[in-house]
């Protein structure tokens, strides 16, 4: 587990459910948007018709500090993402 000082914020339940699925598949490994689309639309007819929603999920996770993005070193036109460890997210959660 890599500990960071990045502050995190709570996310809505529907985003949390997608984070959980991505975490089970990727853990802290890097993945690209295509990988995320495949992971989140597998066995989900509702999401497979709304692939643009995956961009919203990734963006909201990034804004909340649950995911980091960087330029793909292999293909500079694309981004790769990595989820933060859930324990790190909780320990760095902003409290009101």
N, C-alpha and C. Protein backbone atom coordinates (compact mmCIF):
# COMPACT_ATOMS: atom_id res chain seq x y z
N UNK A 1 0.84 -1.18 0.00
CA UNK A 1 0.00 0.00 0.00
C UNK A 1 0.89 1.24 0.00
N UNK A 2 0.62 2.15 -0.93
CA UNK A 2 1.37 3.39 -1.02
C UNK A 2 0.55 4.48 -0.33
N UNK A 3 1.13 5.07 0.68
CA UNK A 3 0.44 6.14 1.40
C UNK A 3 0.78 7.47 0.76
N UNK A 4 -0.20 8.32 0.59
CA UNK A 4 0.02 9.65 0.03
C UNK A 4 -0.59 10.68 0.96
N UNK A 5 -0.27 11.93 0.69
CA UNK A 5 -0.85 13.02 1.46
C UNK A 5 -1.96 13.72 0.66
N UNK A 6 -2.41 13.10 -0.40
CA UNK A 6 -3.46 13.69 -1.22
C UNK A 6 -4.78 13.61 -0.46
N UNK A 7 -5.42 14.75 -0.28
CA UNK A 7 -6.71 14.77 0.41
C UNK A 7 -7.78 14.17 -0.49
N UNK A 8 -8.70 13.47 0.12
CA UNK A 8 -9.80 12.88 -0.63
C UNK A 8 -11.12 13.39 -0.08
N UNK A 9 -12.13 13.29 -0.92
CA UNK A 9 -13.47 13.75 -0.56
C UNK A 9 -14.45 12.60 -0.74
N UNK A 10 -15.56 12.62 -0.03
CA UNK A 10 -16.58 11.58 -0.22
C UNK A 10 -17.14 11.62 -1.65
N UNK A 11 -17.59 10.48 -2.12
CA UNK A 11 -18.22 10.37 -3.43
C UNK A 11 -19.62 9.79 -3.28
N UNK A 12 -20.50 10.07 -4.23
CA UNK A 12 -21.84 9.48 -4.18
C UNK A 12 -21.77 7.95 -4.29
N UNK A 13 -22.80 7.29 -3.80
CA UNK A 13 -22.84 5.82 -3.78
C UNK A 13 -22.65 5.23 -5.17
N UNK A 14 -23.26 5.82 -6.19
CA UNK A 14 -23.15 5.25 -7.54
C UNK A 14 -21.72 5.31 -8.06
N UNK A 15 -20.97 6.33 -7.66
CA UNK A 15 -19.55 6.41 -8.03
C UNK A 15 -18.76 5.39 -7.21
N UNK A 16 -19.07 5.27 -5.93
CA UNK A 16 -18.40 4.32 -5.05
C UNK A 16 -18.55 2.89 -5.57
N UNK A 17 -19.72 2.54 -6.07
CA UNK A 17 -19.95 1.20 -6.59
C UNK A 17 -19.06 0.92 -7.81
N UNK A 18 -18.87 1.91 -8.65
CA UNK A 18 -17.99 1.74 -9.82
C UNK A 18 -16.53 1.68 -9.40
N UNK A 19 -16.16 2.49 -8.39
CA UNK A 19 -14.80 2.43 -7.84
C UNK A 19 -14.53 1.01 -7.33
N UNK A 20 -15.47 0.45 -6.60
CA UNK A 20 -15.30 -0.89 -6.02
C UNK A 20 -15.06 -1.93 -7.12
N UNK A 21 -15.80 -1.83 -8.20
CA UNK A 21 -15.62 -2.79 -9.30
C UNK A 21 -14.25 -2.61 -9.94
N UNK A 22 -13.87 -1.35 -10.18
CA UNK A 22 -12.55 -1.09 -10.76
C UNK A 22 -11.45 -1.57 -9.82
N UNK A 23 -11.62 -1.36 -8.50
CA UNK A 23 -10.61 -1.78 -7.53
C UNK A 23 -10.44 -3.30 -7.54
N UNK A 24 -11.55 -4.02 -7.61
CA UNK A 24 -11.47 -5.49 -7.64
C UNK A 24 -10.71 -5.98 -8.87
N UNK A 25 -10.84 -5.26 -9.97
CA UNK A 25 -10.20 -5.70 -11.22
C UNK A 25 -8.75 -5.20 -11.32
N UNK A 26 -8.51 -3.93 -11.00
CA UNK A 26 -7.20 -3.33 -11.25
C UNK A 26 -6.35 -3.12 -10.00
N UNK A 27 -6.96 -3.01 -8.83
CA UNK A 27 -6.17 -2.68 -7.64
C UNK A 27 -5.42 -1.38 -7.88
N UNK A 28 -4.12 -1.35 -7.61
CA UNK A 28 -3.34 -0.13 -7.85
C UNK A 28 -2.58 -0.18 -9.18
N UNK A 29 -2.95 -1.13 -10.05
CA UNK A 29 -2.31 -1.21 -11.37
C UNK A 29 -2.85 -0.10 -12.28
N UNK A 30 -2.05 0.31 -13.23
CA UNK A 30 -2.48 1.32 -14.20
C UNK A 30 -3.45 0.71 -15.20
N UNK A 31 -4.39 1.53 -15.67
CA UNK A 31 -5.34 1.11 -16.69
C UNK A 31 -5.70 2.32 -17.53
N UNK A 32 -6.17 2.08 -18.74
CA UNK A 32 -6.60 3.19 -19.60
C UNK A 32 -8.13 3.23 -19.67
N UNK A 33 -8.64 4.20 -20.37
CA UNK A 33 -10.10 4.37 -20.44
C UNK A 33 -10.76 3.16 -21.09
N UNK A 34 -10.12 2.60 -22.11
CA UNK A 34 -10.69 1.43 -22.77
C UNK A 34 -10.83 0.27 -21.78
N UNK A 35 -9.80 0.08 -20.94
CA UNK A 35 -9.86 -0.96 -19.92
C UNK A 35 -11.02 -0.71 -18.95
N UNK A 36 -11.19 0.55 -18.56
CA UNK A 36 -12.27 0.91 -17.62
C UNK A 36 -13.64 0.66 -18.25
N UNK A 37 -13.78 1.03 -19.52
CA UNK A 37 -15.05 0.80 -20.22
C UNK A 37 -15.36 -0.70 -20.25
N UNK A 38 -14.37 -1.51 -20.60
CA UNK A 38 -14.59 -2.96 -20.64
C UNK A 38 -14.96 -3.51 -19.26
N UNK A 39 -14.26 -3.04 -18.23
CA UNK A 39 -14.52 -3.53 -16.87
C UNK A 39 -15.91 -3.14 -16.38
N UNK A 40 -16.30 -1.91 -16.64
CA UNK A 40 -17.56 -1.42 -16.08
C UNK A 40 -18.79 -1.77 -16.91
N UNK A 41 -18.59 -2.11 -18.18
CA UNK A 41 -19.74 -2.45 -19.02
C UNK A 41 -19.94 -3.96 -19.13
N UNK A 42 -18.99 -4.75 -18.67
CA UNK A 42 -19.13 -6.20 -18.71
C UNK A 42 -20.36 -6.62 -17.90
N UNK A 43 -21.22 -7.36 -18.54
CA UNK A 43 -22.46 -7.87 -17.90
C UNK A 43 -23.37 -6.74 -17.42
N UNK A 44 -23.29 -5.57 -18.02
CA UNK A 44 -24.12 -4.45 -17.60
C UNK A 44 -24.68 -3.76 -18.85
N UNK A 45 -25.85 -4.17 -19.27
CA UNK A 45 -26.47 -3.64 -20.48
C UNK A 45 -26.70 -2.14 -20.35
N UNK A 46 -27.12 -1.69 -19.17
CA UNK A 46 -27.40 -0.27 -18.94
C UNK A 46 -26.15 0.58 -19.24
N UNK A 47 -25.01 0.21 -18.68
CA UNK A 47 -23.79 1.00 -18.88
C UNK A 47 -23.22 0.82 -20.28
N UNK A 48 -23.39 -0.35 -20.89
CA UNK A 48 -22.82 -0.56 -22.21
C UNK A 48 -23.43 0.38 -23.24
N UNK A 49 -24.64 0.85 -22.98
CA UNK A 49 -25.30 1.80 -23.88
C UNK A 49 -24.89 3.23 -23.58
N UNK A 50 -24.24 3.47 -22.44
CA UNK A 50 -23.89 4.83 -22.03
C UNK A 50 -22.42 4.91 -21.65
N UNK A 51 -21.56 4.59 -22.62
CA UNK A 51 -20.13 4.56 -22.35
C UNK A 51 -19.57 5.92 -21.96
N UNK A 52 -20.24 7.00 -22.35
CA UNK A 52 -19.80 8.33 -21.95
C UNK A 52 -19.85 8.50 -20.43
N UNK A 53 -20.71 7.71 -19.78
CA UNK A 53 -20.81 7.77 -18.32
C UNK A 53 -19.50 7.36 -17.65
N UNK A 54 -18.71 6.50 -18.32
CA UNK A 54 -17.43 6.07 -17.77
C UNK A 54 -16.51 7.28 -17.60
N UNK A 55 -16.53 8.20 -18.55
CA UNK A 55 -15.72 9.42 -18.44
C UNK A 55 -16.13 10.23 -17.22
N UNK A 56 -17.42 10.27 -16.94
CA UNK A 56 -17.92 10.99 -15.76
C UNK A 56 -17.42 10.31 -14.49
N UNK A 57 -17.48 8.99 -14.46
CA UNK A 57 -17.02 8.24 -13.28
C UNK A 57 -15.54 8.53 -13.03
N UNK A 58 -14.72 8.41 -14.07
CA UNK A 58 -13.27 8.64 -13.91
C UNK A 58 -12.99 10.08 -13.51
N UNK A 59 -13.68 11.02 -14.11
CA UNK A 59 -13.48 12.43 -13.77
C UNK A 59 -13.87 12.72 -12.33
N UNK A 60 -15.01 12.20 -11.89
CA UNK A 60 -15.45 12.42 -10.51
C UNK A 60 -14.51 11.77 -9.50
N UNK A 61 -13.99 10.59 -9.83
CA UNK A 61 -13.03 9.94 -8.95
C UNK A 61 -11.74 10.76 -8.85
N UNK A 62 -11.33 11.32 -9.97
CA UNK A 62 -10.12 12.16 -9.97
C UNK A 62 -10.34 13.43 -9.13
N UNK A 63 -11.47 14.09 -9.35
CA UNK A 63 -11.77 15.32 -8.59
C UNK A 63 -11.84 15.07 -7.10
N UNK A 64 -12.32 13.88 -6.70
CA UNK A 64 -12.45 13.55 -5.29
C UNK A 64 -11.14 13.02 -4.70
N UNK A 65 -10.12 12.85 -5.54
CA UNK A 65 -8.84 12.37 -5.05
C UNK A 65 -8.76 10.86 -4.89
N UNK A 66 -9.64 10.13 -5.54
CA UNK A 66 -9.66 8.67 -5.44
C UNK A 66 -8.88 8.00 -6.55
N UNK A 67 -8.45 8.80 -7.55
CA UNK A 67 -7.79 8.26 -8.72
C UNK A 67 -6.77 9.28 -9.19
N UNK A 68 -5.65 8.82 -9.70
CA UNK A 68 -4.67 9.72 -10.31
C UNK A 68 -4.57 9.39 -11.79
N UNK A 69 -4.27 10.40 -12.59
CA UNK A 69 -4.11 10.23 -14.03
C UNK A 69 -2.77 10.82 -14.45
N UNK A 70 -2.21 10.21 -15.48
CA UNK A 70 -0.99 10.73 -16.08
C UNK A 70 -1.00 10.40 -17.56
N UNK A 71 -0.12 11.08 -18.30
CA UNK A 71 0.00 10.80 -19.73
C UNK A 71 0.61 9.41 -19.91
N UNK A 72 0.04 8.66 -20.82
CA UNK A 72 0.55 7.32 -21.11
C UNK A 72 1.94 7.45 -21.74
N UNK A 73 2.97 6.86 -21.12
CA UNK A 73 4.32 6.98 -21.68
C UNK A 73 4.48 6.27 -23.03
N UNK A 74 3.61 5.31 -23.32
CA UNK A 74 3.66 4.60 -24.59
C UNK A 74 2.95 5.38 -25.69
N UNK A 75 1.81 5.98 -25.35
CA UNK A 75 1.02 6.74 -26.32
C UNK A 75 0.67 8.09 -25.69
N UNK A 76 1.43 9.10 -26.00
CA UNK A 76 1.26 10.43 -25.40
C UNK A 76 -0.08 11.08 -25.66
N UNK A 77 -0.90 10.51 -26.54
CA UNK A 77 -2.22 11.07 -26.81
C UNK A 77 -3.25 10.62 -25.78
N UNK A 78 -2.91 9.61 -24.99
CA UNK A 78 -3.86 9.02 -24.06
C UNK A 78 -3.40 9.20 -22.61
N UNK A 79 -4.36 9.03 -21.70
CA UNK A 79 -4.07 9.04 -20.28
C UNK A 79 -4.14 7.62 -19.74
N UNK A 80 -3.40 7.38 -18.67
CA UNK A 80 -3.57 6.16 -17.91
C UNK A 80 -3.95 6.57 -16.49
N UNK A 81 -4.69 5.73 -15.83
CA UNK A 81 -5.21 6.03 -14.51
C UNK A 81 -4.76 4.97 -13.52
N UNK A 82 -4.76 5.35 -12.26
CA UNK A 82 -4.48 4.40 -11.18
C UNK A 82 -5.33 4.78 -9.98
N UNK A 83 -5.99 3.79 -9.40
CA UNK A 83 -6.82 4.02 -8.23
C UNK A 83 -5.96 4.12 -6.98
N UNK A 84 -6.38 4.96 -6.07
CA UNK A 84 -5.72 5.01 -4.77
C UNK A 84 -6.27 3.90 -3.90
N UNK A 85 -5.43 3.42 -3.00
CA UNK A 85 -5.82 2.37 -2.07
C UNK A 85 -6.96 2.89 -1.19
N UNK A 86 -8.01 2.08 -0.95
CA UNK A 86 -9.14 2.53 -0.13
C UNK A 86 -8.74 2.98 1.28
N UNK A 87 -7.76 2.32 1.87
CA UNK A 87 -7.31 2.71 3.21
C UNK A 87 -6.69 4.10 3.17
N UNK A 88 -5.88 4.36 2.15
CA UNK A 88 -5.26 5.67 1.98
C UNK A 88 -6.33 6.75 1.78
N UNK A 89 -7.37 6.42 1.01
CA UNK A 89 -8.46 7.38 0.78
C UNK A 89 -9.13 7.74 2.09
N UNK A 90 -9.46 6.73 2.89
CA UNK A 90 -10.15 6.97 4.16
C UNK A 90 -9.27 7.75 5.13
N UNK A 91 -8.01 7.37 5.22
CA UNK A 91 -7.10 8.06 6.16
C UNK A 91 -6.87 9.52 5.78
N UNK A 92 -7.03 9.84 4.50
CA UNK A 92 -6.82 11.21 4.04
C UNK A 92 -8.12 11.93 3.69
N UNK A 93 -9.24 11.40 4.16
CA UNK A 93 -10.54 11.99 3.87
C UNK A 93 -10.69 13.32 4.60
N UNK A 94 -11.13 14.33 3.86
CA UNK A 94 -11.40 15.64 4.47
C UNK A 94 -12.64 15.50 5.34
N UNK A 95 -12.52 15.96 6.57
CA UNK A 95 -13.67 15.90 7.47
C UNK A 95 -14.20 17.31 7.69
N UNK A 96 -15.49 17.39 7.86
CA UNK A 96 -16.13 18.70 8.04
C UNK A 96 -16.18 19.07 9.49
